[in-house]
């Protein structure tokens, strides 16, 4: 068992970082939130709703991950930021979609990235 008796409350609309020593369970928490696997005991709820009942695509669009071993795509920093990181491991323009910039001009995207 990696995590035991953990309770984490994050206020709505807040940016929250989970930090700690290597092996402390940070990645496990994220993987549970991403529904990569189910908890052995207990449940994961968001606003009182079991995470399994939520739209996973939308949920993952609300989370971002900066891992200990970041991966950059073989392109510019600008393009890497535009791609964003989808917690499901897919390369998407999720951040541009979130900001309603999916079909924006390059100038509008560059302004948003800056």
Foldseek 3Di string as FASTA:
>chain_A
DQDDPDDDDDDPPDDDDDDDDPSNCRVVVLCCLLPVDDDPDDADDDPRHGSVVDDSQVSQLVDADDDPDDDADPDDPLVRVQQGQRSVRDRHSSVCVVVVNPPPDPVVSVVVSD
